[in-house]
């Protein structure tokens, strides 16, 4: 019986974290549902470049994560960097990106504090 590759394990993890079924992921990527299953079960070990791009886009993860090169699921540089670049700031420096991440962490921390106060 085949064993899943790192790719198959990571694909399954990312899909589960995003709350997607194999059928949903297949529909989003326009791949046959069996292809998703084959990767996750190890029948197929690695995707073509085109399939990898479809999967990373649908799951909003980096290709490095799916290929086992990093434990970070976030697309290149993280979700905030992606957002920053999508709004036209293609030359964002590492310092600017780090500042955005710090602001986001502060907002999340404030939301958690607010939730704790409401819960008391």
PDB file of N, CA and C in Angstrom:
ATOM      1  N   UNK A   1       0.852  -1.189   0.000  1.00  0.00           N
ATOM      2  CA  UNK A   1       0.000   0.000   0.000  1.00  0.00           C
ATOM      3  C   UNK A   1       0.889   1.240   0.000  1.00  0.00           C
ATOM      4  N   UNK A   2       0.557   2.254  -0.829  1.00  0.00           N
ATOM      5  CA  UNK A   2       1.396   3.451  -0.911  1.00  0.00           C
ATOM      6  C   UNK A   2       1.365   4.254   0.384  1.00  0.00           C
ATOM      7  N   UNK A   3       2.446   4.966   0.621  1.00  0.00           N
ATOM      8  CA  UNK A   3       2.523   5.886   1.762  1.00  0.00           C
ATOM      9  C   UNK A   3       2.521   7.313   1.231  1.00  0.00           C
ATOM     10  N   UNK A   4       1.781   8.207   1.905  1.00  0.00           N
ATOM     11  CA  UNK A   4       1.770   9.602   1.450  1.00  0.00           C
ATOM     12  C   UNK A   4       3.162  10.215   1.572  1.00  0.00           C
ATOM     13  N   UNK A   5       3.494  11.061   0.625  1.00  0.00           N
ATOM     14  CA  UNK A   5       4.733  11.836   0.686  1.00  0.00           C
ATOM     15  C   UNK A   5       4.519  13.007   1.647  1.00  0.00           C
ATOM     16  N   UNK A   6       5.588  13.746   1.892  1.00  0.00           N
ATOM     17  CA  UNK A   6       5.452  14.983   2.676  1.00  0.00           C
ATOM     18  C   UNK A   6       4.411  15.867   1.998  1.00  0.00           C
ATOM     19  N   UNK A   7       4.458  15.914   0.678  1.00  0.00           N
ATOM     20  CA  UNK A   7       3.488  16.713  -0.062  1.00  0.00           C
ATOM     21  C   UNK A   7       2.059  16.272   0.260  1.00  0.00           C
ATOM     22  N   UNK A   8       1.801  14.977   0.226  1.00  0.00           N
ATOM     23  CA  UNK A   8       0.464  14.465   0.510  1.00  0.00           C
ATOM     24  C   UNK A   8       0.006  14.776   1.922  1.00  0.00           C
ATOM     25  N   UNK A   9       0.912  14.640   2.882  1.00  0.00           N
ATOM     26  CA  UNK A   9       0.583  14.967   4.276  1.00  0.00           C
ATOM     27  C   UNK A   9       0.265  16.445   4.430  1.00  0.00           C
ATOM     28  N   UNK A  10       1.096  17.280   3.801  1.00  0.00           N
ATOM     29  CA  UNK A  10       0.891  18.731   3.905  1.00  0.00           C
ATOM     30  C   UNK A  10      -0.388  19.158   3.188  1.00  0.00           C
ATOM     31  N   UNK A  11      -0.685  18.527   2.070  1.00  0.00           N
ATOM     32  CA  UNK A  11      -1.913  18.832   1.346  1.00  0.00           C
ATOM     33  C   UNK A  11      -3.126  18.521   2.222  1.00  0.00           C
ATOM     34  N   UNK A  12      -3.117  17.376   2.846  1.00  0.00           N
ATOM     35  CA  UNK A  12      -4.211  16.982   3.729  1.00  0.00           C
ATOM     36  C   UNK A  12      -4.349  17.956   4.899  1.00  0.00           C
ATOM     37  N   UNK A  13      -3.232  18.323   5.511  1.00  0.00           N
ATOM     38  CA  UNK A  13      -3.245  19.252   6.641  1.00  0.00           C
ATOM     39  C   UNK A  13      -3.805  20.609   6.230  1.00  0.00           C
ATOM     40  N   UNK A  14      -3.318  21.138   5.116  1.00  0.00           N
ATOM     41  CA  UNK A  14      -3.774  22.447   4.646  1.00  0.00           C
ATOM     42  C   UNK A  14      -5.259  22.419   4.289  1.00  0.00           C
ATOM     43  N   UNK A  15      -5.671  21.359   3.637  1.00  0.00           N
ATOM     44  CA  UNK A  15      -7.085  21.224   3.250  1.00  0.00           C
ATOM     45  C   UNK A  15      -7.970  21.178   4.485  1.00  0.00           C
ATOM     46  N   UNK A  16      -7.558  20.403   5.484  1.00  0.00           N
ATOM     47  CA  UNK A  16      -8.335  20.289   6.724  1.00  0.00           C
ATOM     48  C   UNK A  16      -8.373  21.632   7.455  1.00  0.00           C
ATOM     49  N   UNK A  17      -7.238  22.313   7.507  1.00  0.00           N
ATOM     50  CA  UNK A  17      -7.190  23.612   8.193  1.00  0.00           C
ATOM     51  C   UNK A  17      -8.110  24.622   7.523  1.00  0.00           C
ATOM     52  N   UNK A  18      -8.250  24.524   6.224  1.00  0.00           N
ATOM     53  CA  UNK A  18      -9.131  25.438   5.493  1.00  0.00           C
ATOM     54  C   UNK A  18     -10.585  24.961   5.503  1.00  0.00           C
ATOM     55  N   UNK A  19     -10.826  23.799   6.101  1.00  0.00           N
ATOM     56  CA  UNK A  19     -12.190  23.286   6.204  1.00  0.00           C
ATOM     57  C   UNK A  19     -12.765  22.838   4.873  1.00  0.00           C
ATOM     58  N   UNK A  20     -11.911  22.363   3.992  1.00  0.00           N
ATOM     59  CA  UNK A  20     -12.368  21.940   2.666  1.00  0.00           C
ATOM     60  C   UNK A  20     -12.398  20.429   2.558  1.00  0.00           C
ATOM     61  N   UNK A  21     -13.395  19.947   1.886  1.00  0.00           N
ATOM     62  CA  UNK A  21     -13.418  18.533   1.532  1.00  0.00           C
ATOM     63  C   UNK A  21     -12.551  18.342   0.299  1.00  0.00           C
ATOM     64  N   UNK A  22     -12.256  17.092  -0.013  1.00  0.00           N
ATOM     65  CA  UNK A  22     -11.515  16.828  -1.238  1.00  0.00           C
ATOM     66  C   UNK A  22     -12.304  17.315  -2.447  1.00  0.00           C
ATOM     67  N   UNK A  23     -13.601  17.116  -2.427  1.00  0.00           N
ATOM     68  CA  UNK A  23     -14.447  17.542  -3.548  1.00  0.00           C
ATOM     69  C   UNK A  23     -14.428  19.058  -3.714  1.00  0.00           C
ATOM     70  N   UNK A  24     -14.463  19.783  -2.613  1.00  0.00           N
ATOM     71  CA  UNK A  24     -14.426  21.243  -2.680  1.00  0.00           C
ATOM     72  C   UNK A  24     -13.101  21.723  -3.257  1.00  0.00           C
ATOM     73  N   UNK A  25     -11.991  21.141  -2.757  1.00  0.00           N
ATOM     74  CA  UNK A  25     -10.685  21.519  -3.275  1.00  0.00           C
ATOM     75  C   UNK A  25     -10.575  21.174  -4.758  1.00  0.00           C
ATOM     76  N   UNK A  26     -11.074  20.032  -5.138  1.00  0.00           N
ATOM     77  CA  UNK A  26     -11.044  19.634  -6.545  1.00  0.00           C
ATOM     78  C   UNK A  26     -11.822  20.637  -7.404  1.00  0.00           C
ATOM     79  N   UNK A  27     -12.971  21.057  -6.924  1.00  0.00           N
ATOM     80  CA  UNK A  27     -13.776  22.020  -7.678  1.00  0.00           C
ATOM     81  C   UNK A  27     -13.048  23.362  -7.801  1.00  0.00           C
ATOM     82  N   UNK A  28     -12.424  23.816  -6.710  1.00  0.00           N
ATOM     83  CA  UNK A  28     -11.710  25.097  -6.737  1.00  0.00           C
ATOM     84  C   UNK A  28     -10.519  25.065  -7.672  1.00  0.00           C
ATOM     85  N   UNK A  29      -9.898  23.924  -7.802  1.00  0.00           N
ATOM     86  CA  UNK A  29      -8.702  23.801  -8.632  1.00  0.00           C
ATOM     87  C   UNK A  29      -9.000  23.276 -10.033  1.00  0.00           C
ATOM     88  N   UNK A  30     -10.238  22.832 -10.240  1.00  0.00           N
ATOM     89  CA  UNK A  30     -10.650  22.202 -11.505  1.00  0.00           C
ATOM     90  C   UNK A  30      -9.806  20.959 -11.804  1.00  0.00           C
ATOM     91  N   UNK A  31      -9.487  20.252 -10.738  1.00  0.00           N
ATOM     92  CA  UNK A  31      -8.800  18.965 -10.856  1.00  0.00           C
ATOM     93  C   UNK A  31      -9.800  17.861 -10.546  1.00  0.00           C
ATOM     94  N   UNK A  32      -9.606  16.681 -11.073  1.00  0.00           N
ATOM     95  CA  UNK A  32     -10.490  15.569 -10.706  1.00  0.00           C
ATOM     96  C   UNK A  32     -10.343  15.260  -9.207  1.00  0.00           C
ATOM     97  N   UNK A  33     -11.433  14.977  -8.511  1.00  0.00           N
ATOM     98  CA  UNK A  33     -11.347  14.660  -7.080  1.00  0.00           C
ATOM     99  C   UNK A  33     -10.369  13.520  -6.788  1.00  0.00           C
ATOM    100  N   UNK A  34     -10.249  12.570  -7.697  1.00  0.00           N
ATOM    101  CA  UNK A  34      -9.336  11.441  -7.478  1.00  0.00           C
ATOM    102  C   UNK A  34      -7.889  11.907  -7.366  1.00  0.00           C
ATOM    103  N   UNK A  35      -7.548  12.994  -8.053  1.00  0.00           N
ATOM    104  CA  UNK A  35      -6.170  13.500  -7.986  1.00  0.00           C
ATOM    105  C   UNK A  35      -5.839  13.937  -6.557  1.00  0.00           C
ATOM    106  N   UNK A  36      -6.755  14.643  -5.916  1.00  0.00           N
ATOM    107  CA  UNK A  36      -6.543  15.083  -4.534  1.00  0.00           C
ATOM    108  C   UNK A  36      -6.363  13.857  -3.643  1.00  0.00           C
ATOM    109  N   UNK A  37      -7.239  12.896  -3.794  1.00  0.00           N
ATOM    110  CA  UNK A  37      -7.157  11.668  -3.010  1.00  0.00           C
ATOM    111  C   UNK A  37      -5.840  10.942  -3.256  1.00  0.00           C
ATOM    112  N   UNK A  38      -5.419  10.861  -4.501  1.00  0.00           N
ATOM    113  CA  UNK A  38      -4.179  10.155  -4.837  1.00  0.00           C
ATOM    114  C   UNK A  38      -2.964  10.810  -4.192  1.00  0.00           C
ATOM    115  N   UNK A  39      -2.931  12.136  -4.134  1.00  0.00           N
ATOM    116  CA  UNK A  39      -1.819  12.809  -3.465  1.00  0.00           C
ATOM    117  C   UNK A  39      -1.838  12.520  -1.965  1.00  0.00           C
ATOM    118  N   UNK A  40      -3.024  12.620  -1.363  1.00  0.00           N
ATOM    119  CA  UNK A  40      -3.137  12.451   0.085  1.00  0.00           C
ATOM    120  C   UNK A  40      -2.882  11.022   0.539  1.00  0.00           C
ATOM    121  N   UNK A  41      -3.139  10.055  -0.309  1.00  0.00           N
ATOM    122  CA  UNK A  41      -2.925   8.652   0.072  1.00  0.00           C
ATOM    123  C   UNK A  41      -1.584   8.102  -0.395  1.00  0.00           C
ATOM    124  N   UNK A  42      -0.883   8.858  -1.239  1.00  0.00           N
ATOM    125  CA  UNK A  42       0.423   8.416  -1.699  1.00  0.00           C
ATOM    126  C   UNK A  42       0.425   7.671  -3.013  1.00  0.00           C
ATOM    127  N   UNK A  43      -0.734   7.527  -3.627  1.00  0.00           N
ATOM    128  CA  UNK A  43      -0.775   6.888  -4.948  1.00  0.00           C
ATOM    129  C   UNK A  43       0.058   7.719  -5.930  1.00  0.00           C
ATOM    130  N   UNK A  44      -0.082   9.029  -5.832  1.00  0.00           N
ATOM    131  CA  UNK A  44       0.771   9.970  -6.579  1.00  0.00           C
ATOM    132  C   UNK A  44       1.592  10.731  -5.547  1.00  0.00           C
ATOM    133  N   UNK A  45       2.867  10.885  -5.816  1.00  0.00           N
ATOM    134  CA  UNK A  45       3.753  11.505  -4.831  1.00  0.00           C
ATOM    135  C   UNK A  45       3.848  13.027  -4.955  1.00  0.00           C
ATOM    136  N   UNK A  46       4.010  13.532  -6.175  1.00  0.00           N
ATOM    137  CA  UNK A  46       4.233  14.967  -6.361  1.00  0.00           C
ATOM    138  C   UNK A  46       3.450  15.486  -7.556  1.00  0.00           C
ATOM    139  N   UNK A  47       3.028  16.752  -7.501  1.00  0.00           N
ATOM    140  CA  UNK A  47       2.235  17.342  -8.581  1.00  0.00           C
ATOM    141  C   UNK A  47       3.119  17.934  -9.673  1.00  0.00           C
ATOM    142  N   UNK A  48       2.502  18.210 -10.802  1.00  0.00           N
ATOM    143  CA  UNK A  48       3.166  19.013 -11.832  1.00  0.00           C
ATOM    144  C   UNK A  48       3.216  20.451 -11.324  1.00  0.00           C
ATOM    145  N   UNK A  49       4.000  21.277 -11.972  1.00  0.00           N
ATOM    146  CA  UNK A  49       4.095  22.689 -11.574  1.00  0.00           C
ATOM    147  C   UNK A  49       2.731  23.370 -11.679  1.00  0.00           C
ATOM    148  N   UNK A  50       1.991  23.086 -12.734  1.00  0.00           N
ATOM    149  CA  UNK A  50       0.670  23.681 -12.934  1.00  0.00           C
ATOM    150  C   UNK A  50      -0.290  23.272 -11.814  1.00  0.00           C
ATOM    151  N   UNK A  51      -0.267  22.003 -11.446  1.00  0.00           N
ATOM    152  CA  UNK A  51      -1.136  21.514 -10.366  1.00  0.00           C
ATOM    153  C   UNK A  51      -0.729  22.131  -9.034  1.00  0.00           C
ATOM    154  N   UNK A  52       0.563  22.262  -8.804  1.00  0.00           N
ATOM    155  CA  UNK A  52       1.045  22.872  -7.562  1.00  0.00           C
ATOM    156  C   UNK A  52       0.537  24.300  -7.426  1.00  0.00           C
ATOM    157  N   UNK A  53       0.595  25.064  -8.500  1.00  0.00           N
ATOM    158  CA  UNK A  53       0.107  26.448  -8.471  1.00  0.00           C
ATOM    159  C   UNK A  53      -1.390  26.473  -8.171  1.00  0.00           C
ATOM    160  N   UNK A  54      -2.153  25.608  -8.801  1.00  0.00           N
ATOM    161  CA  UNK A  54      -3.604  25.558  -8.547  1.00  0.00           C
ATOM    162  C   UNK A  54      -3.892  25.247  -7.082  1.00  0.00           C
ATOM    163  N   UNK A  55      -3.153  24.299  -6.514  1.00  0.00           N
ATOM    164  CA  UNK A  55      -3.382  23.908  -5.116  1.00  0.00           C
ATOM    165  C   UNK A  55      -2.978  25.016  -4.155  1.00  0.00           C
ATOM    166  N   UNK A  56      -1.831  25.651  -4.399  1.00  0.00           N
ATOM    167  CA  UNK A  56      -1.401  26.717  -3.488  1.00  0.00           C
ATOM    168  C   UNK A  56      -2.358  27.894  -3.544  1.00  0.00           C
ATOM    169  N   UNK A  57      -2.854  28.221  -4.727  1.00  0.00           N
ATOM    170  CA  UNK A  57      -3.817  29.323  -4.846  1.00  0.00           C
ATOM    171  C   UNK A  57      -5.123  28.995  -4.123  1.00  0.00           C
ATOM    172  N   UNK A  58      -5.629  27.801  -4.326  1.00  0.00           N
ATOM    173  CA  UNK A  58      -6.905  27.422  -3.716  1.00  0.00           C
ATOM    174  C   UNK A  58      -6.811  27.327  -2.199  1.00  0.00           C
ATOM    175  N   UNK A  59      -5.671  26.857  -1.706  1.00  0.00           N
ATOM    176  CA  UNK A  59      -5.500  26.673  -0.255  1.00  0.00           C
ATOM    177  C   UNK A  59      -4.880  27.889   0.427  1.00  0.00           C
ATOM    178  N   UNK A  60      -4.437  28.845  -0.362  1.00  0.00           N
ATOM    179  CA  UNK A  60      -3.764  30.036   0.149  1.00  0.00           C
ATOM    180  C   UNK A  60      -2.598  29.649   1.054  1.00  0.00           C
ATOM    181  N   UNK A  61      -1.736  28.794   0.526  1.00  0.00           N
ATOM    182  CA  UNK A  61      -0.519  28.375   1.219  1.00  0.00           C
ATOM    183  C   UNK A  61       0.651  28.534   0.254  1.00  0.00           C
ATOM    184  N   UNK A  62       1.852  28.472   0.798  1.00  0.00           N
ATOM    185  CA  UNK A  62       3.026  28.571  -0.068  1.00  0.00           C
ATOM    186  C   UNK A  62       3.349  27.207  -0.663  1.00  0.00           C
ATOM    187  N   UNK A  63       3.962  27.241  -1.825  1.00  0.00           N
ATOM    188  CA  UNK A  63       4.417  25.994  -2.431  1.00  0.00           C
ATOM    189  C   UNK A  63       5.517  25.376  -1.562  1.00  0.00           C
ATOM    190  N   UNK A  64       6.330  26.200  -0.921  1.00  0.00           N
ATOM    191  CA  UNK A  64       7.370  25.676  -0.032  1.00  0.00           C
ATOM    192  C   UNK A  64       6.757  24.880   1.117  1.00  0.00           C
ATOM    193  N   UNK A  65       5.609  25.318   1.618  1.00  0.00           N
ATOM    194  CA  UNK A  65       4.940  24.560   2.678  1.00  0.00           C
ATOM    195  C   UNK A  65       4.509  23.189   2.140  1.00  0.00           C
ATOM    196  N   UNK A  66       3.809  23.179   1.016  1.00  0.00           N
ATOM    197  CA  UNK A  66       3.313  21.904   0.483  1.00  0.00           C
ATOM    198  C   UNK A  66       4.450  20.948   0.128  1.00  0.00           C
ATOM    199  N   UNK A  67       5.574  21.490  -0.284  1.00  0.00           N
ATOM    200  CA  UNK A  67       6.710  20.645  -0.660  1.00  0.00           C
ATOM    201  C   UNK A  67       7.575  20.248   0.527  1.00  0.00           C
ATOM    202  N   UNK A  68       7.219  20.723   1.725  1.00  0.00           N
ATOM    203  CA  UNK A  68       7.943  20.325   2.927  1.00  0.00           C
ATOM    204  C   UNK A  68       9.191  21.133   3.202  1.00  0.00           C
ATOM    205  N   UNK A  69       9.330  22.283   2.556  1.00  0.00           N
ATOM    206  CA  UNK A  69      10.532  23.096   2.732  1.00  0.00           C
ATOM    207  C   UNK A  69      10.434  24.072   3.886  1.00  0.00           C
ATOM    208  N   UNK A  70       9.215  24.337   4.383  1.00  0.00           N
ATOM    209  CA  UNK A  70       9.021  25.245   5.500  1.00  0.00           C
ATOM    210  C   UNK A  70       7.780  24.808   6.272  1.00  0.00           C
ATOM    211  N   UNK A  71       7.759  25.045   7.587  1.00  0.00           N
ATOM    212  CA  UNK A  71       6.551  24.728   8.357  1.00  0.00           C
ATOM    213  C   UNK A  71       5.486  25.824   8.272  1.00  0.00           C
ATOM    214  N   UNK A  72       5.838  26.965   7.695  1.00  0.00           N
ATOM    215  CA  UNK A  72       4.934  28.111   7.600  1.00  0.00           C
ATOM    216  C   UNK A  72       4.009  27.952   6.405  1.00  0.00           C
ATOM    217  N   UNK A  73       2.707  27.907   6.667  1.00  0.00           N
ATOM    218  CA  UNK A  73       1.719  27.753   5.594  1.00  0.00           C
ATOM    219  C   UNK A  73       1.539  29.018   4.755  1.00  0.00           C
ATOM    220  N   UNK A  74       1.851  30.155   5.327  1.00  0.00           N
ATOM    221  CA  UNK A  74       1.551  31.424   4.669  1.00  0.00           C
ATOM    222  C   UNK A  74       2.216  31.545   3.314  1.00  0.00           C
ATOM    223  N   UNK A  75       1.496  32.129   2.360  1.00  0.00           N
ATOM    224  CA  UNK A  75       2.130  32.379   1.070  1.00  0.00           C
ATOM    225  C   UNK A  75       3.349  33.284   1.257  1.00  0.00           C
ATOM    226  N   UNK A  76       4.252  33.259   0.333  1.00  0.00           N
ATOM    227  CA  UNK A  76       5.515  33.991   0.368  1.00  0.00           C
ATOM    228  C   UNK A  76       5.494  35.209   1.285  1.00  0.00           C
ATOM    229  N   UNK A  77       6.196  35.126   2.385  1.00  0.00           N
ATOM    230  CA  UNK A  77       6.303  36.247   3.297  1.00  0.00           C
ATOM    231  C   UNK A  77       5.101  36.447   4.193  1.00  0.00           C
ATOM    232  N   UNK A  78       4.080  35.663   4.039  1.00  0.00           N
ATOM    233  CA  UNK A  78       2.904  35.773   4.891  1.00  0.00           C
ATOM    234  C   UNK A  78       1.753  36.478   4.203  1.00  0.00           C
ATOM    235  N   UNK A  79       0.612  36.313   4.794  1.00  0.00           N
ATOM    236  CA  UNK A  79      -0.609  36.858   4.208  1.00  0.00           C
ATOM    237  C   UNK A  79      -0.596  38.378   4.133  1.00  0.00           C
ATOM    238  N   UNK A  80       0.022  39.021   5.124  1.00  0.00           N
ATOM    239  CA  UNK A  80       0.054  40.477   5.089  1.00  0.00           C
ATOM    240  C   UNK A  80       0.918  40.998   3.953  1.00  0.00           C
ATOM    241  N   UNK A  81       2.015  40.317   3.694  1.00  0.00           N
ATOM    242  CA  UNK A  81       2.842  40.728   2.565  1.00  0.00           C
ATOM    243  C   UNK A  81       2.065  40.579   1.262  1.00  0.00           C
ATOM    244  N   UNK A  82       1.319  39.499   1.142  1.00  0.00           N
ATOM    245  CA  UNK A  82       0.516  39.288  -0.057  1.00  0.00           C
ATOM    246  C   UNK A  82      -0.494  40.420  -0.207  1.00  0.00           C
ATOM    247  N   UNK A  83      -1.184  40.759   0.862  1.00  0.00           N
ATOM    248  CA  UNK A  83      -2.149  41.854   0.826  1.00  0.00           C
ATOM    249  C   UNK A  83      -1.457  43.166   0.458  1.00  0.00           C
ATOM    250  N   UNK A  84      -0.338  43.419   1.089  1.00  0.00           N
ATOM    251  CA  UNK A  84       0.420  44.651   0.839  1.00  0.00           C
ATOM    252  C   UNK A  84       0.766  44.756  -0.638  1.00  0.00           C
ATOM    253  N   UNK A  85       1.222  43.659  -1.223  1.00  0.00           N
ATOM    254  CA  UNK A  85       1.606  43.676  -2.629  1.00  0.00           C
ATOM    255  C   UNK A  85       0.370  43.789  -3.531  1.00  0.00           C
ATOM    256  N   UNK A  86      -0.753  43.205  -3.128  1.00  0.00           N
ATOM    257  CA  UNK A  86      -1.969  43.269  -3.943  1.00  0.00           C
ATOM    258  C   UNK A  86      -2.519  44.686  -4.025  1.00  0.00           C
ATOM    259  N   UNK A  87      -2.275  45.499  -3.006  1.00  0.00           N
ATOM    260  CA  UNK A  87      -2.801  46.868  -3.046  1.00  0.00           C
ATOM    261  C   UNK A  87      -1.839  47.830  -3.728  1.00  0.00           C
ATOM    262  N   UNK A  88      -0.803  47.282  -4.348  1.00  0.00           N
ATOM    263  CA  UNK A  88       0.049  48.112  -5.177  1.00  0.00           C
ATOM    264  C   UNK A  88       1.384  48.501  -4.582  1.00  0.00           C
ATOM    265  N   UNK A  89       1.707  48.009  -3.435  1.00  0.00           N
ATOM    266  CA  UNK A  89       2.960  48.376  -2.789  1.00  0.00           C
ATOM    267  C   UNK A  89       4.028  47.323  -3.091  1.00  0.00           C
ATOM    268  N   UNK A  90       4.381  47.215  -4.358  1.00  0.00           N
ATOM    269  CA  UNK A  90       5.299  46.158  -4.801  1.00  0.00           C
ATOM    270  C   UNK A  90       6.706  46.297  -4.245  1.00  0.00           C
ATOM    271  N   UNK A  91       7.049  47.463  -3.813  1.00  0.00           N
ATOM    272  CA  UNK A  91       8.398  47.680  -3.301  1.00  0.00           C
ATOM    273  C   UNK A  91       8.416  47.746  -1.774  1.00  0.00           C
ATOM    274  N   UNK A  92       7.456  47.108  -1.121  1.00  0.00           N
ATOM    275  CA  UNK A  92       7.404  47.120   0.346  1.00  0.00           C
ATOM    276  C   UNK A  92       8.690  46.528   0.902  1.00  0.00           C
ATOM    277  N   UNK A  93       9.270  47.233   1.851  1.00  0.00           N
ATOM    278  CA  UNK A  93      10.503  46.749   2.464  1.00  0.00           C
ATOM    279  C   UNK A  93      10.175  45.725   3.537  1.00  0.00           C
ATOM    280  N   UNK A  94      11.185  44.999   3.952  1.00  0.00           N
ATOM    281  CA  UNK A  94      11.001  44.042   5.046  1.00  0.00           C
ATOM    282  C   UNK A  94      10.547  44.760   6.313  1.00  0.00           C
ATOM    283  N   UNK A  95      11.055  45.965   6.548  1.00  0.00           N
ATOM    284  CA  UNK A  95      10.648  46.736   7.737  1.00  0.00           C
ATOM    285  C   UNK A  95       9.174  47.119   7.674  1.00  0.00           C
ATOM    286  N   UNK A  96       8.699  47.519   6.490  1.00  0.00           N
ATOM    287  CA  UNK A  96       7.288  47.870   6.336  1.00  0.00           C
ATOM    288  C   UNK A  96       6.397  46.652   6.565  1.00  0.00           C
ATOM    289  N   UNK A  97       6.826  45.532   6.051  1.00  0.00           N
ATOM    290  CA  UNK A  97       6.059  44.304   6.231  1.00  0.00           C
ATOM    291  C   UNK A  97       6.065  43.898   7.702  1.00  0.00           C
ATOM    292  N   UNK A  98       7.211  44.011   8.364  1.00  0.00           N
ATOM    293  CA  UNK A  98       7.296  43.688   9.790  1.00  0.00           C
ATOM    294  C   UNK A  98       6.384  44.606  10.607  1.00  0.00           C
ATOM    295  N   UNK A  99       6.304  45.875  10.230  1.00  0.00           N
ATOM    296  CA  UNK A  99       5.424  46.820  10.931  1.00  0.00           C
ATOM    297  C   UNK A  99       3.963  46.426  10.758  1.00  0.00           C
ATOM    298  N   UNK A 100       3.582  46.051   9.541  1.00  0.00           N
ATOM    299  CA  UNK A 100       2.206  45.609   9.304  1.00  0.00           C
ATOM    300  C   UNK A 100       1.875  44.372  10.135  1.00  0.00           C
ATOM    301  N   UNK A 101       2.813  43.437  10.214  1.00  0.00           N
ATOM    302  CA  UNK A 101       2.598  42.234  11.015  1.00  0.00           C
ATOM    303  C   UNK A 101       2.431  42.596  12.488  1.00  0.00           C
ATOM    304  N   UNK A 102       3.235  43.537  12.980  1.00  0.00           N
ATOM    305  CA  UNK A 102       3.136  43.956  14.385  1.00  0.00           C
ATOM    306  C   UNK A 102       1.782  44.599  14.662  1.00  0.00           C
ATOM    307  N   UNK A 103       1.316  45.417  13.746  1.00  0.00           N
ATOM    308  CA  UNK A 103       0.002  46.055  13.900  1.00  0.00           C
ATOM    309  C   UNK A 103      -1.093  44.987  13.920  1.00  0.00           C
ATOM    310  N   UNK A 104      -1.004  44.024  13.022  1.00  0.00           N
ATOM    311  CA  UNK A 104      -2.004  42.955  12.982  1.00  0.00           C
ATOM    312  C   UNK A 104      -1.999  42.160  14.277  1.00  0.00           C
ATOM    313  N   UNK A 105      -0.813  41.838  14.788  1.00  0.00           N
ATOM    314  CA  UNK A 105      -0.738  41.098  16.065  1.00  0.00           C
ATOM    315  C   UNK A 105      -1.361  41.906  17.194  1.00  0.00           C
ATOM    316  N   UNK A 106      -1.118  43.206  17.207  1.00  0.00           N
ATOM    317  CA  UNK A 106      -1.697  44.070  18.245  1.00  0.00           C
ATOM    318  C   UNK A 106      -3.218  44.091  18.137  1.00  0.00           C
ATOM    319  N   UNK A 107      -3.743  44.133  16.912  1.00  0.00           N
ATOM    320  CA  UNK A 107      -5.195  44.118  16.728  1.00  0.00           C
ATOM    321  C   UNK A 107      -5.807  42.797  17.203  1.00  0.00           C
ATOM    322  N   UNK A 108      -5.139  41.694  16.906  1.00  0.00           N
ATOM    323  CA  UNK A 108      -5.628  40.389  17.351  1.00  0.00           C
ATOM    324  C   UNK A 108      -5.593  40.306  18.876  1.00  0.00           C
ATOM    325  N   UNK A 109      -4.519  40.787  19.476  1.00  0.00           N
ATOM    326  CA  UNK A 109      -4.406  40.769  20.940  1.00  0.00           C
ATOM    327  C   UNK A 109      -5.509  41.622  21.575  1.00  0.00           C
ATOM    328  N   UNK A 110      -5.784  42.781  20.980  1.00  0.00           N
ATOM    329  CA  UNK A 110      -6.845  43.647  21.497  1.00  0.00           C
ATOM    330  C   UNK A 110      -8.199  42.967  21.376  1.00  0.00           C
ATOM    331  N   UNK A 111      -8.444  42.283  20.271  1.00  0.00           N
ATOM    332  CA  UNK A 111      -9.710  41.567  20.085  1.00  0.00           C
ATOM    333  C   UNK A 111      -9.866  40.479  21.137  1.00  0.00           C
ATOM    334  N   UNK A 112      -8.777  39.773  21.440  1.00  0.00           N
ATOM    335  CA  UNK A 112      -8.825  38.732  22.481  1.00  0.00           C
ATOM    336  C   UNK A 112      -9.114  39.341  23.841  1.00  0.00           C
ATOM    337  N   UNK A 113      -8.471  40.480  24.146  1.00  0.00           N
ATOM    338  CA  UNK A 113      -8.743  41.152  25.434  1.00  0.00           C
ATOM    339  C   UNK A 113     -10.195  41.595  25.513  1.00  0.00           C
ATOM    340  N   UNK A 114     -10.710  42.156  24.423  1.00  0.00           N
ATOM    341  CA  UNK A 114     -12.111  42.597  24.397  1.00  0.00           C
ATOM    342  C   UNK A 114     -13.059  41.416  24.608  1.00  0.00           C
ATOM    343  N   UNK A 115     -12.758  40.265  23.992  1.00  0.00           N
ATOM    344  CA  UNK A 115     -13.578  39.074  24.148  1.00  0.00           C
ATOM    345  C   UNK A 115     -13.549  38.573  25.583  1.00  0.00           C
ATOM    346  N   UNK A 116     -12.390  38.650  26.227  1.00  0.00           N
ATOM    347  CA  UNK A 116     -12.278  38.213  27.623  1.00  0.00           C
ATOM    348  C   UNK A 116     -13.108  39.096  28.542  1.00  0.00           C
ATOM    349  N   UNK A 117     -13.096  40.422  28.279  1.00  0.00           N
ATOM    350  CA  UNK A 117     -13.875  41.356  29.083  1.00  0.00           C
ATOM    351  C   UNK A 117     -15.362  41.088  28.915  1.00  0.00           C
ATOM    352  N   UNK A 118     -15.799  40.827  27.692  1.00  0.00           N
ATOM    353  CA  UNK A 118     -17.204  40.523  27.435  1.00  0.00           C
ATOM    354  C   UNK A 118     -17.625  39.219  28.091  1.00  0.00           C
ATOM    355  N   UNK A 119     -16.681  38.271  28.181  1.00  0.00           N
ATOM    356  CA  UNK A 119     -16.983  36.962  28.751  1.00  0.00           C
ATOM    357  C   UNK A 119     -17.076  36.960  30.259  1.00  0.00           C
ATOM    358  N   UNK A 120     -16.596  37.997  30.906  1.00  0.00           N
ATOM    359  CA  UNK A 120     -16.605  38.043  32.383  1.00  0.00           C
ATOM    360  C   UNK A 120     -17.899  38.542  32.924  1.00  0.00           C
TER     361      UNK A 120
END
